[in-house]
């Protein structure tokens, strides 16, 4: 039977020849990830009464939401998880200063590969579809069950296919594309669907940019999301993953719920902005108006990778952050932090007036390292701009690409990078 990527992976993981949308299957889990909320899963696991987790080699725990600990309560949570990890023999544990944001750490350390079933106690687990894994977010109680039995039930999702052609114009990125798509289909446009991104424009993207697409697929309700398995992906994975990598692809006659065709060059004429307080409230930058910003944030599991830091450094090089604006930069992982140091990106950003935070989620989840006060406005490369997401319920968050965030930090208001980097000026940083 002809199947989509989601159907193929779930069929194999549940021991079936084929599956169809809306069918219920029980699938074996290849990898289970938790961050600080592993403590909730730990408590539920202990209540089940099983002495040992099903397979400690398939569990990854990463501290990223509150690092370093911002309170005694968080420090106590970290301590309890460290003790659980040691007792259970979980070797893939990334403590403070050893990893970074969970969705970056899993991929760059070779934990995820094509065809896997991956679950995690985080809503943006769809990110790992950039590695062709069926990767979904689950709750802490469900995770306790996975730790016990190594399997979980799923309803097979139908699949929406998004084919993108055309060439990206200058200053247009994967973040602009996915914001445009979320605005087009709406926050519920892919509820409990799998999404397959493909087409010539997608295949020209880096793995970092593909992760932006699969990450923000969550914001249109997707259960899982995928980008293609091609040489770009295989070249990324080979140094990280031992053994043969599967060239997984949907069948030619796979049945899709619908197919959306886009032309990146024709439809994305300028950067896209998600306006408060919903990710699908998307407008072209020129239609947003004059918006002063108090804080600009570059980072998160969406846009804290090396190419994002490079793009921001290219914009701010030789310039100074506006006096009214705080510019926070958060590399997605320790590996990225070190490489950005080596390449001089962080030096350029600091010289412009940016503050570099340690790798982690920080202000994205509104717990520390840059939360907003009442009446403040932030432009951010993160993935959510919900009411109160970054602090006060009287604050406002606009979502944008790394280049727009950096340009806005310099201008002190929402700004097009081209307005900051004048056409005839040399680019001081190689992107």
Protein backbone atom coordinates (compact mmCIF):
# COMPACT_ATOMS: atom_id res chain seq x y z
CA UNK A 1 0.00 0.00 0.00
CA UNK A 2 1.27 3.49 -0.83
CA UNK A 3 2.06 5.47 2.32
CA UNK A 4 3.25 8.84 3.51
CA UNK A 5 6.30 9.20 5.76
CA UNK A 6 4.22 9.20 8.95
CA UNK A 7 2.31 6.12 7.83
CA UNK A 8 5.47 4.24 6.85
CA UNK A 9 7.19 4.89 10.16
CA UNK A 10 4.17 4.05 12.31
CA UNK A 11 3.41 0.90 10.30
CA UNK A 12 6.90 -0.46 10.83
CA UNK A 13 7.04 0.59 14.50
CA UNK A 14 3.74 -1.17 15.20
CA UNK A 15 4.62 -4.33 13.26
CA UNK A 16 2.08 -3.81 10.50
CA UNK A 17 2.37 -4.02 6.74
CA UNK A 18 0.41 -0.79 6.36
CA UNK A 19 -1.68 1.72 8.26
CA UNK A 20 -4.25 4.34 7.27
CA UNK A 21 -5.20 7.70 8.78
CA UNK A 22 -7.25 7.61 11.99
CA UNK A 23 -6.20 4.02 12.74
CA UNK A 24 -4.99 3.42 16.31
CA UNK A 25 -1.62 1.68 16.62
CA UNK A 26 0.74 0.79 19.47
CA UNK A 27 4.27 1.63 18.34
CA UNK A 28 7.67 0.90 19.80
CA UNK A 29 9.59 4.02 20.84
CA UNK A 30 13.17 4.43 19.65
CA UNK A 31 14.04 7.50 21.73
CA UNK A 32 12.47 9.28 24.70
CA UNK A 33 13.59 12.80 25.62
CA UNK A 34 12.80 14.98 28.62
CA UNK A 35 14.17 18.21 30.01
CA UNK A 36 13.44 19.62 33.49
CA UNK A 37 9.94 18.20 33.38
CA UNK A 38 11.60 14.80 33.66
CA UNK A 39 10.94 15.34 37.35
CA UNK A 40 7.19 15.08 36.75
CA UNK A 41 7.74 11.94 34.66
CA UNK A 42 10.04 10.60 37.39
CA UNK A 43 7.33 10.99 40.05
CA UNK A 44 4.73 9.26 37.86
CA UNK A 45 7.21 6.49 37.05
CA UNK A 46 7.86 5.87 40.74
CA UNK A 47 4.10 5.62 41.35
CA UNK A 48 3.87 2.86 38.73
CA UNK A 49 6.20 0.83 40.93
CA UNK A 50 8.61 -0.53 38.32
CA UNK A 51 12.19 -0.60 39.54
CA UNK A 52 14.00 0.10 36.26
CA UNK A 53 13.27 2.00 33.05
CA UNK A 54 12.74 -0.18 29.99
CA UNK A 55 15.99 0.81 28.23
CA UNK A 56 18.26 3.54 29.65
CA UNK A 57 20.18 3.72 26.36
CA UNK A 58 17.06 5.06 24.64
CA UNK A 59 16.42 7.86 27.14
CA UNK A 60 17.95 11.33 26.82
CA UNK A 61 17.58 14.00 29.49
CA UNK A 62 18.68 17.58 28.87
CA UNK A 63 18.55 20.59 31.18
CA UNK A 64 17.57 23.62 29.10
CA UNK A 65 14.48 25.47 30.31
CA UNK A 66 15.90 26.92 33.52
CA UNK A 67 19.69 26.90 33.23
CA UNK A 68 21.48 27.69 35.34
CA UNK A 69 18.91 27.22 38.10
CA UNK A 70 17.16 30.53 38.77
CA UNK A 71 15.59 29.51 42.09
CA UNK A 72 15.97 27.05 44.95
CA UNK A 73 12.92 25.18 43.63
CA UNK A 74 14.57 24.64 40.25
CA UNK A 75 17.87 23.67 41.88
CA UNK A 76 16.00 21.04 43.91
CA UNK A 77 14.33 19.73 40.75
CA UNK A 78 17.70 19.49 38.99
CA UNK A 79 19.17 17.63 41.94
CA UNK A 80 16.32 15.08 41.98
CA UNK A 81 16.72 14.42 38.25
CA UNK A 82 20.49 13.99 38.56
CA UNK A 83 19.95 11.38 41.26
CA UNK A 84 17.35 9.56 39.12
CA UNK A 85 19.66 9.59 36.09
CA UNK A 86 22.49 8.10 38.14
CA UNK A 87 20.27 5.45 39.73
CA UNK A 88 18.80 4.36 36.37
CA UNK A 89 22.08 4.33 34.48
CA UNK A 90 20.95 6.89 31.90
CA UNK A 91 24.16 7.87 30.15
CA UNK A 92 22.75 10.41 27.68
CA UNK A 93 22.35 13.18 30.24
CA UNK A 94 23.24 16.78 29.35
CA UNK A 95 23.69 18.81 32.51
CA UNK A 96 24.21 22.56 32.76
CA UNK A 97 27.10 23.65 30.52
CA UNK A 98 27.24 20.33 28.67
CA UNK A 99 24.43 20.56 26.15
CA UNK A 100 22.00 23.34 25.39
CA UNK A 101 18.44 23.46 24.07
CA UNK A 102 17.04 19.94 23.82
CA UNK A 103 16.01 20.08 20.15
CA UNK A 104 19.44 21.24 19.09
CA UNK A 105 21.30 18.78 21.32
CA UNK A 106 19.44 15.70 20.05
CA UNK A 107 20.25 16.41 16.41
CA UNK A 108 23.82 17.64 16.68
CA UNK A 109 24.81 14.67 18.86
CA UNK A 110 23.38 12.03 16.54
CA UNK A 111 20.52 10.82 18.72
CA UNK A 112 17.94 11.06 15.90
CA UNK A 113 17.98 9.43 12.48
CA UNK A 114 15.48 8.70 9.67
CA UNK A 115 12.66 6.31 10.47
CA UNK A 116 12.77 6.58 14.25
CA UNK A 117 9.79 7.05 16.55
CA UNK A 118 10.80 9.80 18.97
CA UNK A 119 8.76 11.15 21.86
CA UNK A 120 9.54 13.99 24.21
CA UNK A 121 7.95 16.02 26.96
CA UNK A 122 8.09 19.22 24.94
CA UNK A 123 5.63 20.68 22.47
CA UNK A 124 8.23 21.39 19.77
CA UNK A 125 9.33 17.78 19.27
CA UNK A 126 8.18 18.14 15.66
CA UNK A 127 11.62 19.73 15.10
CA UNK A 128 13.17 16.28 14.64
CA UNK A 129 11.18 15.64 11.51
CA UNK A 130 14.06 17.54 9.87
CA UNK A 131 15.90 14.22 10.39
CA UNK A 132 12.90 12.24 9.03
CA UNK A 133 11.84 10.94 12.43
CA UNK A 134 8.22 10.65 13.53
CA UNK A 135 8.75 12.91 16.52
CA UNK A 136 5.93 14.04 18.80
CA UNK A 137 5.39 15.81 22.08
CA UNK A 138 3.75 13.94 24.96
CA UNK A 139 2.86 14.59 28.60
CA UNK A 140 4.85 13.59 31.68
CA UNK A 141 2.42 10.82 32.61
CA UNK A 142 2.65 9.37 29.11
CA UNK A 143 6.43 9.55 29.37
CA UNK A 144 6.32 7.54 32.59
CA UNK A 145 4.46 4.87 30.64
CA UNK A 146 7.08 4.95 27.88
CA UNK A 147 9.87 4.63 30.47
CA UNK A 148 8.02 1.57 31.78
CA UNK A 149 7.08 -0.25 28.57
CA UNK A 150 8.96 1.39 25.70
CA UNK A 151 5.87 1.87 23.58
CA UNK A 152 2.91 4.21 23.15
CA UNK A 153 -0.37 4.34 21.26
CA UNK A 154 -0.89 6.77 18.39
CA UNK A 155 -3.70 7.69 16.07
CA UNK A 156 -2.23 7.65 12.58
CA UNK A 157 -2.38 11.24 11.26
CA UNK A 158 -3.40 12.19 7.78
CA UNK A 159 -0.75 14.20 5.97
CA UNK A 160 -0.66 17.66 4.42
CA UNK A 161 2.02 18.14 1.77
CA UNK A 162 3.58 21.58 1.25
CA UNK A 163 5.62 21.95 -1.95
CA UNK A 164 7.76 25.07 -2.25
CA UNK A 165 9.39 26.26 -5.46
CA UNK A 166 11.24 29.41 -6.38
CA UNK A 167 14.26 31.28 -5.03
CA UNK A 168 14.39 33.13 -1.73
CA UNK A 169 14.90 36.86 -2.19
CA UNK A 170 17.63 38.67 -0.21
CA UNK A 171 16.91 38.87 3.54
CA UNK A 172 14.21 36.19 3.27
CA UNK A 173 14.78 33.02 5.32
CA UNK A 174 13.13 29.79 6.40
CA UNK A 175 11.62 31.71 9.35
CA UNK A 176 9.81 34.02 6.95
CA UNK A 177 8.56 31.04 4.94
CA UNK A 178 7.13 29.16 7.91
CA UNK A 179 5.56 32.29 9.41
CA UNK A 180 3.91 32.89 6.04
CA UNK A 181 2.65 29.29 5.98
CA UNK A 182 1.31 29.45 9.54
CA UNK A 183 -0.45 32.69 8.69
CA UNK A 184 -1.86 31.10 5.53
CA UNK A 185 -3.29 27.91 7.08
CA UNK A 186 -3.98 29.22 10.59
CA UNK A 187 -3.07 28.01 14.06
CA UNK A 188 -5.38 25.00 13.65
CA UNK A 189 -4.73 24.42 9.95
CA UNK A 190 -2.84 21.18 10.51
CA UNK A 191 -4.40 19.95 13.75
CA UNK A 192 -3.23 16.36 14.42
CA UNK A 193 -1.88 16.14 10.89
CA UNK A 194 1.58 15.24 9.71
CA UNK A 195 3.14 17.84 7.42
CA UNK A 196 5.64 17.01 4.67
CA UNK A 197 7.68 19.98 3.40
CA UNK A 198 9.29 19.36 0.02
CA UNK A 199 10.08 20.95 -3.30
CA UNK A 200 13.17 22.57 -4.85
CA UNK A 201 13.25 25.50 -2.42
CA UNK A 202 13.12 23.17 0.58
CA UNK A 203 15.88 20.92 -0.75
CA UNK A 204 18.19 23.91 -1.11
CA UNK A 205 17.84 24.74 2.59
CA UNK A 206 20.44 23.83 5.21
CA UNK A 207 19.52 21.40 7.98
CA UNK A 208 19.40 24.33 10.42
CA UNK A 209 16.82 26.05 8.21
CA UNK A 210 14.80 22.85 7.77
CA UNK A 211 14.63 22.58 11.55
CA UNK A 212 12.97 26.01 11.60
CA UNK A 213 10.17 24.67 9.40
CA UNK A 214 9.56 21.49 11.38
CA UNK A 215 9.84 23.34 14.69
CA UNK A 216 7.16 25.90 13.86
CA UNK A 217 4.88 23.28 12.30
CA UNK A 218 3.71 22.86 15.90
CA UNK A 219 2.22 26.34 15.69
CA UNK A 220 -0.26 25.24 13.04
CA UNK A 221 -1.26 22.21 15.11
CA UNK A 222 0.89 19.56 13.44
CA UNK A 223 1.38 16.24 15.21
CA UNK A 224 4.58 15.59 13.24
CA UNK A 225 6.47 17.28 10.43
CA UNK A 226 9.08 16.17 7.90
CA UNK A 227 11.62 17.53 5.44
CA UNK A 228 13.27 15.29 2.83
CA UNK A 229 15.97 12.69 3.24
CA UNK A 230 18.57 13.79 0.70
CA UNK A 231 22.33 14.21 0.46
CA UNK A 232 22.19 17.40 2.52
CA UNK A 233 20.67 15.48 5.42
CA UNK A 234 22.85 12.42 4.99
CA UNK A 235 25.99 14.57 4.89
CA UNK A 236 24.90 16.15 8.17
CA UNK A 237 24.13 12.83 9.86
CA UNK A 238 27.04 10.65 8.70
CA UNK A 239 29.64 12.16 11.06
CA UNK A 240 27.14 11.97 13.92
CA UNK A 241 25.40 8.60 13.48
CA UNK A 242 27.03 5.19 13.34
CA UNK A 243 25.88 2.62 10.79
CA UNK A 244 23.74 2.78 7.67
CA UNK A 245 21.26 5.62 7.30
CA UNK A 246 17.90 4.89 5.71
CA UNK A 247 16.92 6.84 2.59
CA UNK A 248 13.35 7.11 3.73
CA UNK A 249 10.81 8.66 1.36
CA UNK A 250 7.04 8.70 0.91
CA UNK A 251 5.67 6.41 -1.75
CA UNK A 252 5.05 8.02 -5.15
CA UNK A 253 1.33 7.28 -4.92
CA UNK A 254 0.97 8.23 -1.26
CA UNK A 255 -2.41 9.76 -0.48
CA UNK A 256 -2.40 13.25 1.04
CA UNK A 257 -5.27 15.08 2.68
CA UNK A 258 -4.28 18.10 0.62
CA UNK A 259 -1.29 19.61 -1.16
CA UNK A 260 -0.30 23.27 -0.90
CA UNK A 261 1.88 24.77 -3.65
CA UNK A 262 3.96 27.87 -2.92
CA UNK A 263 6.48 29.97 -4.82
CA UNK A 264 8.97 31.44 -2.35
CA UNK A 265 10.20 34.16 -4.69
CA UNK A 266 6.75 35.30 -5.78
CA UNK A 267 4.93 35.11 -2.44
CA UNK A 268 7.64 36.18 0.00
CA UNK A 269 8.56 39.65 -1.19
CA UNK A 270 9.59 40.91 2.25
CA UNK A 271 10.17 39.63 5.80
CA UNK A 272 7.17 38.27 7.67
CA UNK A 273 6.15 39.27 11.21
CA UNK A 274 3.84 37.38 13.60
CA UNK A 275 2.04 40.07 15.60
CA UNK A 276 0.76 39.80 19.20
CA UNK A 277 -0.70 37.63 20.52
CA UNK A 278 -0.90 34.71 18.06
CA UNK A 279 1.61 33.03 15.77
CA UNK A 280 -0.85 33.04 12.88
CA UNK A 281 -1.36 36.82 13.02
CA UNK A 282 1.22 37.26 10.28
CA UNK A 283 1.83 40.38 8.19
CA UNK A 284 4.54 41.56 5.82
CA UNK A 285 6.91 43.83 7.71
CA UNK A 286 5.85 46.94 5.78
CA UNK A 287 2.25 46.53 6.99
CA UNK A 288 3.09 46.25 10.70
CA UNK A 289 3.77 49.94 11.14
CA UNK A 290 6.17 51.89 13.36
CA UNK A 291 6.78 49.67 16.41
CA UNK A 292 9.48 50.72 18.93
CA UNK A 293 11.09 47.73 20.68
CA UNK A 294 12.44 47.53 24.21
CA UNK A 295 14.01 44.11 23.77
CA UNK A 296 15.28 42.01 20.88
CA UNK A 297 15.88 38.28 21.43
CA UNK A 298 17.92 36.07 19.14
CA UNK A 299 17.90 32.39 20.07
CA UNK A 300 15.64 29.45 20.98
CA UNK A 301 15.08 26.01 19.47
CA UNK A 302 13.76 27.82 16.40
CA UNK A 303 16.58 30.22 15.58
CA UNK A 304 19.62 29.91 17.84
CA UNK A 305 21.86 28.06 15.41
CA UNK A 306 25.14 29.10 13.83
CA UNK A 307 23.64 30.48 10.63
CA UNK A 308 21.28 32.62 12.72
CA UNK A 309 24.15 34.11 14.73
CA UNK A 310 26.05 34.71 11.48
CA UNK A 311 23.09 36.54 9.93
CA UNK A 312 22.70 38.74 13.02
CA UNK A 313 26.42 39.48 13.16
CA UNK A 314 26.37 40.55 9.50
CA UNK A 315 23.62 43.06 10.28
CA UNK A 316 25.13 44.60 13.44
CA UNK A 317 28.80 44.60 12.39
CA UNK A 318 30.26 48.09 12.90
CA UNK A 319 27.00 49.36 14.41
CA UNK A 320 25.57 49.91 17.90
CA UNK A 321 22.38 48.65 19.52
CA UNK A 322 19.85 51.46 19.95
CA UNK A 323 19.85 53.08 23.43
CA UNK A 324 16.21 52.13 24.07
CA UNK A 325 16.73 48.46 23.18
CA UNK A 326 18.21 45.46 24.99
CA UNK A 327 19.63 42.85 22.62
CA UNK A 328 19.84 39.32 24.06
CA UNK A 329 21.62 36.59 22.13
CA UNK A 330 21.32 32.93 23.17
CA UNK A 331 23.23 30.23 21.25
CA UNK A 332 21.20 27.03 21.00
CA UNK A 333 23.96 24.79 22.34
CA UNK A 334 27.45 24.72 23.80
CA UNK A 335 28.75 23.47 20.44
CA UNK A 336 27.23 26.43 18.64
CA UNK A 337 28.48 28.81 21.34
CA UNK A 338 32.06 27.61 20.87
CA UNK A 339 31.91 27.72 17.08
CA UNK A 340 30.39 31.22 17.13
CA UNK A 341 33.22 32.27 19.43
CA UNK A 342 35.80 30.79 17.09
CA UNK A 343 34.32 32.49 14.04
CA UNK A 344 34.02 35.86 15.76
CA UNK A 345 30.24 36.16 15.56
CA UNK A 346 29.83 36.62 19.31
CA UNK A 347 32.63 39.19 19.44
CA UNK A 348 30.84 41.19 16.74
CA UNK A 349 27.51 40.96 18.56
CA UNK A 350 29.01 41.94 21.92
CA UNK A 351 30.87 44.86 20.34
CA UNK A 352 27.52 46.11 19.04
CA UNK A 353 26.04 46.00 22.55
CA UNK A 354 24.40 42.58 22.68
CA UNK A 355 24.36 40.48 25.85
CA UNK A 356 25.22 36.81 25.37
CA UNK A 357 23.19 34.45 27.54
CA UNK A 358 24.16 30.81 28.20
CA UNK A 359 22.62 28.18 25.90
CA UNK A 360 19.06 27.44 26.98
CA UNK A 361 15.46 28.52 26.58
CA UNK A 362 15.73 31.61 28.79
CA UNK A 363 13.17 34.33 28.03
CA UNK A 364 11.32 32.23 25.43
CA UNK A 365 9.47 30.46 28.24
CA UNK A 366 9.23 33.55 30.42
CA UNK A 367 11.08 32.23 33.45
CA UNK A 368 14.38 34.14 33.51
CA UNK A 369 17.24 35.73 31.55
CA UNK A 370 15.19 38.49 30.00
CA UNK A 371 11.48 38.50 30.84
CA UNK A 372 9.38 41.54 29.98
CA UNK A 373 7.77 44.17 32.19
CA UNK A 374 4.32 45.64 31.65
CA UNK A 375 3.94 47.73 28.48
CA UNK A 376 7.25 46.49 27.03
CA UNK A 377 7.60 45.27 23.45
CA UNK A 378 9.94 42.54 22.23
CA UNK A 379 10.91 41.33 18.77
CA UNK A 380 12.08 37.74 18.97
CA UNK A 381 13.29 34.88 16.80
CA UNK A 382 11.50 32.41 19.09
CA UNK A 383 8.40 30.36 18.28
CA UNK A 384 5.55 31.77 20.39
CA UNK A 385 4.14 35.19 21.10
CA UNK A 386 1.18 34.26 23.30
CA UNK A 387 -0.17 36.69 25.88
CA UNK A 388 2.27 36.72 28.81
CA UNK A 389 4.65 34.29 27.11
CA UNK A 390 7.76 36.31 27.99
CA UNK A 391 6.62 37.82 31.26
CA UNK A 392 3.96 40.45 31.88
CA UNK A 393 0.53 39.92 30.35
CA UNK A 394 0.72 43.60 29.41
CA UNK A 395 3.79 43.06 27.22
CA UNK A 396 3.85 42.37 23.48
CA UNK A 397 6.00 39.93 21.46
CA UNK A 398 6.54 40.08 17.70
CA UNK A 399 8.13 37.06 15.99
CA UNK A 400 10.62 37.59 13.20
CA UNK A 401 13.71 36.21 11.50
CA UNK A 402 17.19 36.57 13.03
CA UNK A 403 18.10 39.28 10.49
CA UNK A 404 15.02 41.33 11.35
CA UNK A 405 15.64 40.89 15.08
CA UNK A 406 19.20 42.15 14.67
CA UNK A 407 18.13 45.07 12.46
CA UNK A 408 15.43 46.02 14.95
CA UNK A 409 17.97 45.99 17.79
CA UNK A 410 20.06 48.52 15.87
CA UNK A 411 17.12 50.68 14.78
CA UNK A 412 15.28 50.54 18.12
CA UNK A 413 12.11 49.59 16.27
CA UNK A 414 10.92 46.90 13.88
CA UNK A 415 13.18 47.29 10.88
CA UNK A 416 14.06 45.66 7.58
CA UNK A 417 17.72 44.54 7.51
CA UNK A 418 18.17 46.36 4.21
CA UNK A 419 17.39 49.62 6.00
CA UNK A 420 20.28 48.98 8.39
CA UNK A 421 22.80 47.39 6.03
CA UNK A 422 22.94 49.99 3.28
CA UNK A 423 23.28 48.58 -0.20
CA UNK A 424 26.70 50.04 -0.92
CA UNK A 425 28.24 49.12 2.41
CA UNK A 426 30.48 46.03 2.52
CA UNK A 427 29.26 43.07 4.57
CA UNK A 428 31.77 42.79 7.40
CA UNK A 429 30.83 39.24 8.33
CA UNK A 430 30.72 36.29 5.97
CA UNK A 431 27.33 34.57 6.36
